[in-house]
C-alpha atoms as a PDB file:
ATOM      1  CA  MET A   1      61.881  72.172 160.002  1.00  0.00           C
ATOM      2  CA  LEU A   2      62.120  74.969 159.346  1.00  0.00           C
ATOM      3  CA  ALA A   3      59.638  75.051 156.572  1.00  0.00           C
ATOM      4  CA  ARG A   4      56.848  73.186 159.342  1.00  0.00           C
ATOM      5  CA  ILE A   5      57.994  76.288 161.644  1.00  0.00           C
ATOM      6  CA  LEU A   6      56.595  78.444 158.707  1.00  0.00           C
ATOM      7  CA  GLN A   7      54.173  76.968 158.010  1.00  0.00           C
ATOM      8  CA  ASP A   8      52.434  76.566 161.149  1.00  0.00           C
ATOM      9  CA  THR A   9      49.395  78.199 162.573  1.00  0.00           C
ATOM     10  CA  ARG A  10      50.613  79.859 165.702  1.00  0.00           C
ATOM     11  CA  THR A  11      53.511  81.012 163.723  1.00  0.00           C
ATOM     12  CA  GLU A  12      51.759  82.787 161.141  1.00  0.00           C
ATOM     13  CA  ARG A  13      49.190  84.171 164.519  1.00  0.00           C
ATOM     14  CA  VAL A  14      52.985  86.176 165.616  1.00  0.00           C
ATOM     15  CA  ILE A  15      53.701  87.186 163.047  1.00  0.00           C
ATOM     16  CA  LEU A  16      49.900  89.004 162.210  1.00  0.00           C
ATOM     17  CA  GLY A  17      50.636  89.824 165.613  1.00  0.00           C
ATOM     18  CA  LEU A  18      53.511  92.084 166.218  1.00  0.00           C
ATOM     19  CA  ILE A  19      52.211  93.584 162.507  1.00  0.00           C
ATOM     20  CA  LEU A  20      49.423  94.825 164.460  1.00  0.00           C
ATOM     21  CA  PHE A  21      51.424  96.188 167.433  1.00  0.00           C
ATOM     22  CA  ASN A  22      53.781  97.411 164.911  1.00  0.00           C
ATOM     23  CA  ALA A  23      50.843 100.044 163.626  1.00  0.00           C
ATOM     24  CA  VAL A  24      49.619 100.913 166.923  1.00  0.00           C
ATOM     25  CA  THR A  25      53.620 101.806 168.001  1.00  0.00           C
ATOM     26  CA  LEU A  26      54.210 103.519 164.117  1.00  0.00           C
ATOM     27  CA  GLY A  27      50.499 105.461 165.318  1.00  0.00           C
ATOM     28  CA  LEU A  28      51.738 106.392 168.747  1.00  0.00           C
ATOM     29  CA  GLU A  29      55.175 107.548 167.329  1.00  0.00           C
ATOM     30  CA  ALA A  30      53.361 110.167 165.658  1.00  0.00           C
ATOM     31  CA  GLU A  31      51.144 111.770 168.321  1.00  0.00           C
ATOM     32  CA  PRO A  32      53.367 115.172 169.729  1.00  0.00           C
ATOM     33  CA  ALA A  33      51.917 114.024 173.421  1.00  0.00           C
ATOM     34  CA  VAL A  34      53.424 110.261 173.172  1.00  0.00           C
ATOM     35  CA  LEU A  35      56.657 111.579 171.683  1.00  0.00           C
ATOM     36  CA  ALA A  36      56.759 114.900 174.464  1.00  0.00           C
ATOM     37  CA  ALA A  37      56.445 112.522 177.323  1.00  0.00           C
ATOM     38  CA  GLY A  38      59.180 110.533 176.712  1.00  0.00           C
ATOM     39  CA  TRP A  39      58.005 107.624 175.211  1.00  0.00           C
ATOM     40  CA  GLY A  40      60.065 107.697 172.128  1.00  0.00           C
ATOM     41  CA  PRO A  41      62.458 106.293 172.488  1.00  0.00           C
ATOM     42  CA  LEU A  42      61.132 103.121 174.165  1.00  0.00           C
ATOM     43  CA  LEU A  43      59.185 103.627 170.617  1.00  0.00           C
ATOM     44  CA  GLU A  44      62.014 103.439 168.759  1.00  0.00           C
ATOM     45  CA  THR A  45      63.583 100.256 169.745  1.00  0.00           C
ATOM     46  CA  LEU A  46      60.007  98.267 169.834  1.00  0.00           C
ATOM     47  CA  ASP A  47      60.633  99.208 166.086  1.00  0.00           C
ATOM     48  CA  ALA A  48      63.461  98.306 165.509  1.00  0.00           C
ATOM     49  CA  ALA A  49      63.281  95.223 167.405  1.00  0.00           C
ATOM     50  CA  ILE A  50      59.497  93.812 165.260  1.00  0.00           C
ATOM     51  CA  LEU A  51      61.287  94.965 162.377  1.00  0.00           C
ATOM     52  CA  SER A  52      64.331  92.307 163.056  1.00  0.00           C
ATOM     53  CA  VAL A  53      61.507  89.563 163.444  1.00  0.00           C
ATOM     54  CA  PHE A  54      60.423  90.437 160.160  1.00  0.00           C
ATOM     55  CA  VAL A  55      63.452  90.207 158.487  1.00  0.00           C
ATOM     56  CA  LEU A  56      64.538  87.205 159.845  1.00  0.00           C
ATOM     57  CA  GLU A  57      61.050  85.879 159.782  1.00  0.00           C
ATOM     58  CA  LEU A  58      61.914  86.800 155.713  1.00  0.00           C
ATOM     59  CA  ALA A  59      65.488  84.613 155.772  1.00  0.00           C
ATOM     60  CA  ALA A  60      63.804  81.672 157.095  1.00  0.00           C
ATOM     61  CA  ARG A  61      60.888  82.185 153.868  1.00  0.00           C
ATOM     62  CA  ILE A  62      64.001  82.962 151.201  1.00  0.00           C
ATOM     63  CA  SER A  63      66.317  79.735 152.417  1.00  0.00           C
ATOM     64  CA  VAL A  64      63.132  77.584 152.470  1.00  0.00           C
ATOM     65  CA  GLN A  65      61.942  78.876 148.701  1.00  0.00           C
ATOM     66  CA  ARG A  66      65.029  79.595 147.305  1.00  0.00           C
ATOM     67  CA  LEU A  67      63.873  80.282 143.524  1.00  0.00           C
ATOM     68  CA  ARG A  68      60.240  80.025 144.013  1.00  0.00           C
ATOM     69  CA  PHE A  69      60.000  82.752 146.396  1.00  0.00           C
ATOM     70  CA  PHE A  70      60.652  84.869 144.006  1.00  0.00           C
ATOM     71  CA  ARG A  71      57.666  84.266 142.078  1.00  0.00           C
ATOM     72  CA  ASP A  72      55.357  84.974 144.139  1.00  0.00           C
ATOM     73  CA  PRO A  73      53.915  88.484 143.615  1.00  0.00           C
ATOM     74  CA  TRP A  74      53.021  88.478 147.030  1.00  0.00           C
ATOM     75  CA  ASN A  75      56.567  87.645 148.475  1.00  0.00           C
ATOM     76  CA  LEU A  76      58.274  90.207 146.098  1.00  0.00           C
ATOM     77  CA  PHE A  77      55.682  93.013 148.020  1.00  0.00           C
ATOM     78  CA  ASP A  78      56.511  91.583 151.642  1.00  0.00           C
ATOM     79  CA  PHE A  79      60.326  91.760 149.766  1.00  0.00           C
ATOM     80  CA  VAL A  80      59.687  95.453 148.515  1.00  0.00           C
ATOM     81  CA  VAL A  81      58.206  96.122 152.224  1.00  0.00           C
ATOM     82  CA  ILE A  82      60.947  95.096 154.290  1.00  0.00           C
ATOM     83  CA  GLY A  83      63.879  96.860 152.036  1.00  0.00           C
ATOM     84  CA  PHE A  84      61.916  99.784 152.505  1.00  0.00           C
ATOM     85  CA  ALA A  85      62.089  99.870 155.694  1.00  0.00           C
ATOM     86  CA  LEU A  86      65.781  98.597 156.262  1.00  0.00           C
ATOM     87  CA  VAL A  87      67.015 101.985 154.888  1.00  0.00           C
ATOM     88  CA  PRO A  88      69.027 104.740 156.061  1.00  0.00           C
ATOM     89  CA  ALA A  89      66.641 107.281 157.260  1.00  0.00           C
ATOM     90  CA  THR A  90      68.861 109.623 157.559  1.00  0.00           C
ATOM     91  CA  GLY A  91      70.090 113.073 156.099  1.00  0.00           C
ATOM     92  CA  SER A  92      68.075 113.311 152.305  1.00  0.00           C
ATOM     93  CA  LEU A  93      66.216 109.875 152.586  1.00  0.00           C
ATOM     94  CA  SER A  94      64.913 111.059 156.254  1.00  0.00           C
ATOM     95  CA  VAL A  95      61.183 111.495 154.315  1.00  0.00           C
ATOM     96  CA  LEU A  96      61.555 107.195 153.901  1.00  0.00           C
ATOM     97  CA  ARG A  97      61.322 107.323 157.420  1.00  0.00           C
ATOM     98  CA  ALA A  98      57.569 107.866 157.036  1.00  0.00           C
ATOM     99  CA  LEU A  99      57.429 104.414 155.095  1.00  0.00           C
ATOM    100  CA  ARG A 100      58.321 102.525 157.592  1.00  0.00           C
ATOM    101  CA  VAL A 101      53.784 102.445 157.303  1.00  0.00           C
ATOM    102  CA  LEU A 102      53.826 100.522 154.765  1.00  0.00           C
ATOM    103  CA  ARG A 103      54.745  97.250 157.232  1.00  0.00           C
ATOM    104  CA  VAL A 104      51.221  97.174 158.387  1.00  0.00           C
ATOM    105  CA  LEU A 105      50.245  96.844 154.809  1.00  0.00           C
ATOM    106  CA  ARG A 106      51.765  92.654 155.300  1.00  0.00           C
ATOM    107  CA  LEU A 107      48.141  92.557 156.926  1.00  0.00           C
ATOM    108  CA  VAL A 108      47.353  91.795 153.151  1.00  0.00           C
ATOM    109  CA  THR A 109      49.949  88.574 152.516  1.00  0.00           C
ATOM    110  CA  VAL A 110      48.643  87.299 155.691  1.00  0.00           C
ATOM    111  CA  ILE A 111      44.900  86.980 156.217  1.00  0.00           C
ATOM    112  CA  PRO A 112      43.883  85.198 153.182  1.00  0.00           C
ATOM    113  CA  SER A 113      40.157  87.063 152.519  1.00  0.00           C
ATOM    114  CA  LEU A 114      42.255  90.167 152.183  1.00  0.00           C
ATOM    115  CA  LYS A 115      44.563  89.410 149.488  1.00  0.00           C
ATOM    116  CA  ARG A 116      41.229  87.599 147.356  1.00  0.00           C
ATOM    117  CA  VAL A 117      39.763  91.480 147.442  1.00  0.00           C
ATOM    118  CA  VAL A 118      42.863  92.603 146.853  1.00  0.00           C
ATOM    119  CA  ASN A 119      43.376  89.862 143.556  1.00  0.00           C
ATOM    120  CA  GLY A 120      39.373  91.088 142.520  1.00  0.00           C
ATOM    121  CA  LEU A 121      41.208  95.036 143.340  1.00  0.00           C
ATOM    122  CA  ILE A 122      43.583  94.411 140.532  1.00  0.00           C
ATOM    123  CA  THR A 123      41.178  91.820 138.407  1.00  0.00           C
ATOM    124  CA  ALA A 124      38.887  95.209 137.418  1.00  0.00           C
ATOM    125  CA  LEU A 125      41.888  97.073 136.401  1.00  0.00           C
ATOM    126  CA  PRO A 126      41.193  96.460 133.281  1.00  0.00           C
ATOM    127  CA  GLY A 127      37.549  97.322 133.080  1.00  0.00           C
ATOM    128  CA  MET A 128      38.409 100.166 135.761  1.00  0.00           C
ATOM    129  CA  GLY A 129      40.054 101.916 132.768  1.00  0.00           C
ATOM    130  CA  SER A 130      37.802 101.858 130.209  1.00  0.00           C
ATOM    131  CA  ILE A 131      35.285 103.820 132.112  1.00  0.00           C
ATOM    132  CA  LEU A 132      38.106 106.182 133.793  1.00  0.00           C
ATOM    133  CA  ILE A 133      38.699 107.428 129.271  1.00  0.00           C
ATOM    134  CA  LEU A 134      34.582 107.433 129.010  1.00  0.00           C
ATOM    135  CA  LEU A 135      34.624 109.842 132.462  1.00  0.00           C
ATOM    136  CA  LEU A 136      37.619 111.585 131.173  1.00  0.00           C
ATOM    137  CA  LEU A 137      35.804 112.308 128.068  1.00  0.00           C
ATOM    138  CA  VAL A 138      33.158 113.277 129.856  1.00  0.00           C
ATOM    139  CA  PHE A 139      34.942 116.134 132.120  1.00  0.00           C
ATOM    140  CA  TYR A 140      36.602 117.440 128.773  1.00  0.00           C
ATOM    141  CA  VAL A 141      33.643 118.074 126.461  1.00  0.00           C
ATOM    142  CA  PHE A 142      31.185 119.744 129.609  1.00  0.00           C
ATOM    143  CA  SER A 143      35.106 121.363 131.362  1.00  0.00           C
ATOM    144  CA  VAL A 144      34.704 123.393 127.154  1.00  0.00           C
ATOM    145  CA  MET A 145      31.736 123.893 127.345  1.00  0.00           C
ATOM    146  CA  GLY A 146      31.733 125.365 130.532  1.00  0.00           C
ATOM    147  CA  ALA A 147      34.303 127.572 129.317  1.00  0.00           C
ATOM    148  CA  LYS A 148      32.402 128.521 126.568  1.00  0.00           C
ATOM    149  CA  LEU A 149      29.255 128.565 128.567  1.00  0.00           C
ATOM    150  CA  TYR A 150      30.586 130.540 131.557  1.00  0.00           C
ATOM    151  CA  GLY A 151      33.755 131.545 131.264  1.00  0.00           C
ATOM    152  CA  PRO A 152      32.932 135.604 130.463  1.00  0.00           C
ATOM    153  CA  THR A 153      30.067 135.247 133.378  1.00  0.00           C
ATOM    154  CA  LYS A 154      32.465 133.189 136.157  1.00  0.00           C
ATOM    155  CA  PRO A 155      36.868 134.060 135.011  1.00  0.00           C
ATOM    156  CA  GLU A 156      37.723 132.211 138.800  1.00  0.00           C
ATOM    157  CA  LEU A 157      35.635 129.281 138.029  1.00  0.00           C
ATOM    158  CA  PHE A 158      35.510 128.690 134.838  1.00  0.00           C
ATOM    159  CA  GLY A 159      38.064 131.178 133.145  1.00  0.00           C
ATOM    160  CA  GLY A 160      40.112 127.709 131.031  1.00  0.00           C
ATOM    161  CA  LEU A 161      39.841 124.106 130.682  1.00  0.00           C
ATOM    162  CA  GLY A 162      41.760 123.667 133.773  1.00  0.00           C
ATOM    163  CA  ALA A 163      39.998 125.970 136.080  1.00  0.00           C
ATOM    164  CA  ALA A 164      36.530 124.884 134.418  1.00  0.00           C
ATOM    165  CA  ALA A 165      37.575 120.788 134.987  1.00  0.00           C
ATOM    166  CA  TYR A 166      38.612 121.504 138.380  1.00  0.00           C
ATOM    167  CA  SER A 167      35.651 123.468 138.865  1.00  0.00           C
ATOM    168  CA  LEU A 168      33.332 120.398 137.576  1.00  0.00           C
ATOM    169  CA  PHE A 169      35.695 118.141 139.718  1.00  0.00           C
ATOM    170  CA  GLN A 170      34.074 119.795 143.013  1.00  0.00           C
ATOM    171  CA  VAL A 171      30.891 119.438 141.746  1.00  0.00           C
ATOM    172  CA  MET A 172      31.212 115.787 140.883  1.00  0.00           C
ATOM    173  CA  THR A 173      32.989 115.108 144.829  1.00  0.00           C
ATOM    174  CA  PHE A 174      29.118 117.536 145.990  1.00  0.00           C
ATOM    175  CA  ASP A 175      31.459 119.538 147.844  1.00  0.00           C
ATOM    176  CA  ASP A 176      29.766 123.531 148.022  1.00  0.00           C
ATOM    177  CA  TRP A 177      28.401 122.741 144.657  1.00  0.00           C
ATOM    178  CA  SER A 178      25.589 124.035 145.389  1.00  0.00           C
ATOM    179  CA  GLY A 179      26.624 127.606 147.044  1.00  0.00           C
ATOM    180  CA  GLY A 180      29.504 127.753 146.121  1.00  0.00           C
ATOM    181  CA  ILE A 181      29.209 127.321 141.939  1.00  0.00           C
ATOM    182  CA  VAL A 182      25.638 126.842 141.194  1.00  0.00           C
ATOM    183  CA  LYS A 183      23.448 129.648 142.140  1.00  0.00           C
ATOM    184  CA  PRO A 184      25.999 132.023 141.567  1.00  0.00           C
ATOM    185  CA  LEU A 185      26.451 130.740 138.164  1.00  0.00           C
ATOM    186  CA  MET A 186      21.857 131.249 138.545  1.00  0.00           C
ATOM    187  CA  GLU A 187      22.062 135.027 138.908  1.00  0.00           C
ATOM    188  CA  THR A 188      22.876 135.562 135.624  1.00  0.00           C
ATOM    189  CA  HIS A 189      22.344 132.298 134.046  1.00  0.00           C
ATOM    190  CA  PRO A 190      19.332 131.050 135.566  1.00  0.00           C
ATOM    191  CA  LEU A 191      19.011 126.984 133.030  1.00  0.00           C
ATOM    192  CA  ALA A 192      22.773 126.761 134.335  1.00  0.00           C
ATOM    193  CA  TRP A 193      21.153 123.926 136.338  1.00  0.00           C
ATOM    194  CA  LEU A 194      20.222 121.983 133.399  1.00  0.00           C
ATOM    195  CA  PHE A 195      24.168 121.963 132.629  1.00  0.00           C
ATOM    196  CA  PHE A 196      25.333 120.252 136.241  1.00  0.00           C
ATOM    197  CA  ILE A 197      22.309 117.901 136.314  1.00  0.00           C
ATOM    198  CA  ALA A 198      23.375 116.240 132.726  1.00  0.00           C
ATOM    199  CA  PHE A 199      26.873 116.982 134.074  1.00  0.00           C
ATOM    200  CA  MET A 200      26.211 114.946 137.246  1.00  0.00           C
ATOM    201  CA  LEU A 201      24.243 112.136 135.870  1.00  0.00           C
ATOM    202  CA  LEU A 202      27.147 111.379 133.892  1.00  0.00           C
ATOM    203  CA  SER A 203      29.809 111.042 136.241  1.00  0.00           C
ATOM    204  CA  SER A 204      28.980 110.942 139.847  1.00  0.00           C
ATOM    205  CA  PHE A 205      25.618 108.538 139.452  1.00  0.00           C
ATOM    206  CA  MET A 206      26.235 106.841 135.668  1.00  0.00           C
ATOM    207  CA  ALA A 207      29.991 106.649 136.372  1.00  0.00           C
ATOM    208  CA  LEU A 208      30.338 105.298 140.350  1.00  0.00           C
ATOM    209  CA  ASN A 209      28.145 102.499 139.801  1.00  0.00           C
ATOM    210  CA  LEU A 210      30.275 101.465 136.582  1.00  0.00           C
ATOM    211  CA  PHE A 211      32.856 101.556 139.215  1.00  0.00           C
ATOM    212  CA  ILE A 212      30.804  99.762 140.934  1.00  0.00           C
ATOM    213  CA  GLY A 213      29.633  97.315 139.126  1.00  0.00           C
ATOM    214  CA  VAL A 214      33.135  95.928 138.106  1.00  0.00           C
ATOM    215  CA  VAL A 215      34.400  95.361 140.980  1.00  0.00           C
ATOM    216  CA  VAL A 216      31.546  93.468 142.300  1.00  0.00           C
ATOM    217  CA  SER A 217      32.184  91.779 139.318  1.00  0.00           C
ATOM    218  CA  ALA A 218      35.644  90.924 139.576  1.00  0.00           C
ATOM    219  CA  LEU A 219      35.521  90.193 143.157  1.00  0.00           C
ATOM    220  CA  ASP A 220      32.668  87.881 142.908  1.00  0.00           C
ATOM    221  CA  ASP A 221      34.854  86.017 140.154  1.00  0.00           C
ATOM    222  CA  GLU A 222      37.900  86.159 142.622  1.00  0.00           C
ATOM    223  CA  THR A 223      36.257  84.772 146.001  1.00  0.00           C
ATOM    224  CA  GLY A 224      33.466  82.407 143.249  1.00  0.00           C
ATOM    225  CA  ASP A 225      36.629  80.411 143.169  1.00  0.00           C
ATOM    226  CA  ASP A 226      36.856  78.471 146.493  1.00  0.00           C
ATOM    227  CA  VAL A 227      32.615  77.312 145.263  1.00  0.00           C
ATOM    228  CA  PRO A 228      32.560  74.026 143.828  1.00  0.00           C
ATOM    229  CA  LYS A 229      32.229  74.487 139.673  1.00  0.00           C
ATOM    230  CA  LEU A 230      29.381  71.895 140.409  1.00  0.00           C
ATOM    231  CA  LEU A 231      27.819  74.181 142.527  1.00  0.00           C
ATOM    232  CA  ARG A 232      28.038  77.179 139.896  1.00  0.00           C
ATOM    233  CA  ASP A 233      27.043  76.123 137.128  1.00  0.00           C
ATOM    234  CA  PRO A 234      24.184  76.556 135.259  1.00  0.00           C
ATOM    235  CA  ASP A 235      23.043  72.715 134.364  1.00  0.00           C
ATOM    236  CA  ALA A 236      24.015  71.691 138.296  1.00  0.00           C
ATOM    237  CA  ASP A 237      20.472  70.283 138.373  1.00  0.00           C
ATOM    238  CA  ARG A 238      20.848  68.335 134.891  1.00  0.00           C
ATOM    239  CA  LEU A 239      23.631  66.632 135.992  1.00  0.00           C
ATOM    240  CA  ILE A 240      23.005  66.020 139.242  1.00  0.00           C
ATOM    241  CA  ALA A 241      19.669  64.584 138.206  1.00  0.00           C
ATOM    242  CA  GLU A 242      21.844  61.789 135.074  1.00  0.00           C
ATOM    243  CA  GLU A 243      24.129  60.907 138.713  1.00  0.00           C
ATOM    244  CA  LEU A 244      21.246  59.406 139.828  1.00  0.00           C
ATOM    245  CA  ALA A 245      20.039  57.593 136.961  1.00  0.00           C
ATOM    246  CA  ALA A 246      22.847  56.260 136.612  1.00  0.00           C
ATOM    247  CA  LEU A 247      23.420  55.428 140.713  1.00  0.00           C
ATOM    248  CA  ARG A 248      20.092  53.256 140.423  1.00  0.00           C
ATOM    249  CA  GLN A 249      21.251  51.621 137.026  1.00  0.00           C
ATOM    250  CA  GLU A 250      23.866  50.313 138.817  1.00  0.00           C
ATOM    251  CA  ILE A 251      21.677  49.056 142.420  1.00  0.00           C
ATOM    252  CA  ALA A 252      19.541  47.760 139.992  1.00  0.00           C
ATOM    253  CA  ALA A 253      22.401  45.587 137.877  1.00  0.00           C
ATOM    254  CA  LEU A 254      23.735  44.902 141.424  1.00  0.00           C
ATOM    255  CA  ARG A 255      20.550  43.408 143.403  1.00  0.00           C
ATOM    256  CA  ARG A 256      19.389  41.514 139.937  1.00  0.00           C
ATOM    257  CA  GLU A 257      22.834  39.220 139.614  1.00  0.00           C
ATOM    258  CA  ARG A 258      22.482  39.153 144.071  1.00  0.00           C
ATOM    259  CA  ASP A 259      18.833  37.178 142.883  1.00  0.00           C
ATOM    260  CA  PRO A 260      18.577  37.017 139.200  1.00  0.00           C
ATOM    261  CA  HIS A 261      14.512  36.293 139.174  1.00  0.00           C
ATOM    262  CA  SER A 262      13.787  39.506 141.454  1.00  0.00           C
ATOM    263  CA  ALA A 263      11.439  42.183 139.513  1.00  0.00           C
ATOM    264  CA  PRO A 264      13.328  44.645 138.023  1.00  0.00           C
ATOM    265  CA  SER A 265      13.224  48.122 139.813  1.00  0.00           C
ATOM    266  CA  SER A 266      10.635  50.897 139.442  1.00  0.00           C
ATOM    267  CA  GLY A 267      12.719  53.494 140.809  1.00  0.00           C
END
């Protein structure tokens, strides 16, 4: 009985609606104008009521699934998120009160399409790690070169390895890179633009496209699991032709059994 209730689509819709409503109430609690209007106690009451529903739903799932509940990473995610919400946010633990907004992340476990996207991102992490190492190598090489070339001229930007890396990160993110970094350097180093263009091509454009390629490939593999394997088989046309030929032979054999004097099919 309890398992049927949990698997009912109406139950899933109610939980999804409560998650969205709770996201709105948590956002309203962060608005000073709403709190000044005296809505704070009502919002806290609604938050406590919704949390009670989430706890009951989680307890019901644990009672139905028992040990199987803790073998599913998404169930553990729900368990941790609700656990953070139950920690008393008083005294030194008052900072945990802000973690209540993590309940909004339960949308990932409720909506299958979001779950597939997150699975794809997790699958892409190893490839992204390799690209990150490559990006760090590029940063290190250009930081050392920048400190050697431009440190004496602009010590506030390239006076050390850390300062040079920070300035290059600003260049990579296009945060006032031209007027704040490159043009002042070009007053004393006219060819400095070559150094920064080369760095931007390697970091911003190349690395970003590599990241996008790895993520898109992982998402394609993850969402491709819902597609029948035959449709993703490069030899699908050949397999279909073989199946059609076999069906024609079976039909011809049935016709011969029914009428031995009939001419064989030419199909």
